[in-house]
Amino acid sequence: QVQLVESGGGLVQAGGSLRLSCAVSGRTSNTYTMAWFRQAPGKEREFVIAIAYSDRGTRTADSVKGRFTISRDNAKNTVNLQMNSLKLEDTAVYYCAATWSNRYYLHTRRTEYEYWGQGTQVTVSS
């Protein structure tokens, strides 16, 4: 069993940057494929970015490519989402997710991830 806790959300102006962290407890995060999803009001939860177990690769949604990056801090057992050049449409609740059973692929469907955090709000203002 693994527990995920997101932090780092907040209010930022368009064009600014924000860094989210997902603290992983219960297991070493490096053995899981981890991802970030987001859900805006009235919309479906959508895939943002993922990093494969043992850092074997990443996958990024077209909507954030070139602006968002994902990384691990193995010493702290966290997975981080660096968000630059934020846009109004990036406003959403951001969720950290993990998969053990499906870790061999960088899945974009939420159903492929067994573990979820509670989410952290990111609001981008003009």
Protein backbone atom coordinates (compact mmCIF):
# COMPACT_ATOMS: atom_id res chain seq x y z
CA GLN A 1 0.00 0.00 0.00
CA VAL A 2 1.19 3.50 -0.77
CA GLN A 3 -0.08 6.90 0.34
CA LEU A 4 0.27 10.06 -1.72
CA VAL A 5 0.09 13.62 -0.42
CA GLU A 6 0.34 16.61 -2.74
CA SER A 7 1.55 20.04 -1.75
CA GLY A 8 2.65 23.29 -3.35
CA GLY A 9 -0.57 24.47 -4.92
CA GLY A 10 -1.70 28.07 -4.77
CA LEU A 11 -2.48 31.25 -6.67
CA VAL A 12 -0.09 32.44 -9.37
CA GLN A 13 -0.25 35.00 -12.13
CA ALA A 14 -0.30 33.97 -15.76
CA GLY A 15 3.23 33.49 -17.02
CA GLY A 16 4.48 32.53 -13.58
CA SER A 17 5.79 29.27 -12.18
CA LEU A 18 4.76 26.83 -9.50
CA ARG A 19 6.23 23.60 -8.18
CA LEU A 20 4.05 20.81 -6.87
CA SER A 21 5.32 17.93 -4.79
CA CYS A 22 3.87 14.51 -4.13
CA ALA A 23 5.15 12.82 -1.01
CA VAL A 24 5.09 9.04 -1.25
CA SER A 25 4.89 6.88 1.84
CA GLY A 26 4.61 3.17 2.28
CA ARG A 27 6.86 2.24 -0.62
CA THR A 28 9.83 3.64 -2.50
CA SER A 29 8.45 5.93 -5.19
CA ASN A 30 11.09 4.81 -7.67
CA THR A 31 9.42 1.41 -7.98
CA TYR A 32 6.15 2.96 -9.18
CA THR A 33 5.20 4.73 -12.35
CA MET A 34 3.93 8.10 -11.17
CA ALA A 35 1.75 10.67 -12.87
CA TRP A 36 0.02 13.96 -12.45
CA PHE A 37 -3.56 14.50 -13.54
CA ARG A 38 -5.71 17.58 -13.25
CA GLN A 39 -9.39 18.38 -13.12
CA ALA A 40 -10.89 21.76 -13.92
CA PRO A 41 -14.43 22.66 -12.78
CA GLY A 42 -17.01 20.92 -14.91
CA LYS A 43 -14.42 18.89 -16.79
CA GLU A 44 -13.11 15.35 -16.74
CA ARG A 45 -9.88 14.55 -14.97
CA GLU A 46 -7.13 14.63 -17.57
CA PHE A 47 -3.62 13.32 -17.85
CA VAL A 48 -0.80 15.85 -17.53
CA ILE A 49 2.53 14.07 -17.24
CA ALA A 50 4.05 10.78 -16.06
CA ILE A 51 7.42 9.32 -15.14
CA ALA A 52 8.15 5.62 -15.43
CA TYR A 53 9.45 3.47 -12.58
CA SER A 54 13.22 3.65 -12.16
CA ASP A 55 13.10 6.85 -14.24
CA ARG A 56 12.93 4.94 -17.49
CA GLY A 57 11.17 7.74 -19.32
CA THR A 58 8.48 10.38 -19.24
CA ARG A 59 5.34 11.21 -21.14
CA THR A 60 3.78 14.64 -21.40
CA ALA A 61 0.38 15.85 -22.57
CA ASP A 62 0.54 18.12 -25.62
CA SER A 63 -1.21 20.89 -23.70
CA VAL A 64 1.72 21.30 -21.29
CA LYS A 65 4.64 20.13 -23.40
CA GLY A 66 7.59 22.49 -23.15
CA ARG A 67 6.19 24.09 -19.99
CA PHE A 68 5.81 21.30 -17.42
CA THR A 69 8.41 18.78 -16.29
CA ILE A 70 8.29 15.87 -13.87
CA SER A 71 11.10 14.60 -11.70
CA ARG A 72 11.82 12.45 -8.70
CA ASP A 73 13.74 13.24 -5.55
CA ASN A 74 14.68 9.77 -4.38
CA ALA A 75 16.26 11.05 -1.18
CA LYS A 76 12.95 12.61 -0.15
CA ASN A 77 10.76 9.99 -1.84
CA THR A 78 8.84 12.66 -3.70
CA VAL A 79 7.73 13.27 -7.25
CA ASN A 80 7.73 16.87 -8.37
CA LEU A 81 5.89 18.80 -11.05
CA GLN A 82 7.57 21.98 -12.22
CA MET A 83 5.09 24.22 -14.00
CA ASN A 84 6.39 27.20 -15.98
CA SER A 85 4.72 29.75 -18.23
CA LEU A 86 1.40 29.04 -16.57
CA LYS A 87 -1.78 29.87 -18.44
CA LEU A 88 -5.32 30.57 -17.26
CA GLU A 89 -6.37 27.20 -18.62
CA ASP A 90 -3.95 25.43 -16.28
CA THR A 91 -6.28 26.27 -13.39
CA ALA A 92 -7.40 22.99 -11.87
CA VAL A 93 -7.06 20.62 -8.98
CA TYR A 94 -3.88 18.64 -9.54
CA TYR A 95 -3.71 15.03 -8.45
CA CYS A 96 -0.74 12.76 -7.96
CA ALA A 97 -1.22 9.15 -8.99
CA ALA A 98 0.79 5.93 -8.83
CA THR A 99 0.65 2.50 -10.35
CA TRP A 100 2.44 -0.67 -9.41
CA SER A 101 0.58 -3.27 -11.45
CA ASN A 102 0.70 -1.16 -14.64
CA ARG A 103 4.14 0.36 -14.05
CA TYR A 104 5.68 -0.94 -17.28
CA TYR A 105 3.79 1.62 -19.39
CA LEU A 106 3.33 5.35 -19.21
CA HIS A 107 -0.44 5.26 -19.08
CA THR A 108 -2.59 8.31 -19.69
CA ARG A 109 -5.89 6.85 -18.54
CA ARG A 110 -6.80 7.45 -14.92
CA THR A 111 -8.16 3.91 -14.59
CA GLU A 112 -4.62 2.55 -14.94
CA TYR A 113 -3.51 4.12 -11.65
CA GLU A 114 -4.37 2.44 -8.35
CA TYR A 115 -3.31 5.13 -5.89
CA TRP A 116 -4.32 8.76 -5.72
CA GLY A 117 -3.62 11.77 -3.58
CA GLN A 118 -6.28 14.15 -2.34
CA GLY A 119 -5.36 16.88 -4.82
CA THR A 120 -4.02 20.41 -4.57
CA GLN A 121 -5.60 23.51 -6.10
CA VAL A 122 -3.71 25.55 -8.66
CA THR A 123 -5.28 28.83 -9.70
CA VAL A 124 -3.78 30.97 -12.45
CA SER A 125 -4.95 34.56 -12.55
CA SER A 126 -4.67 37.20 -15.28
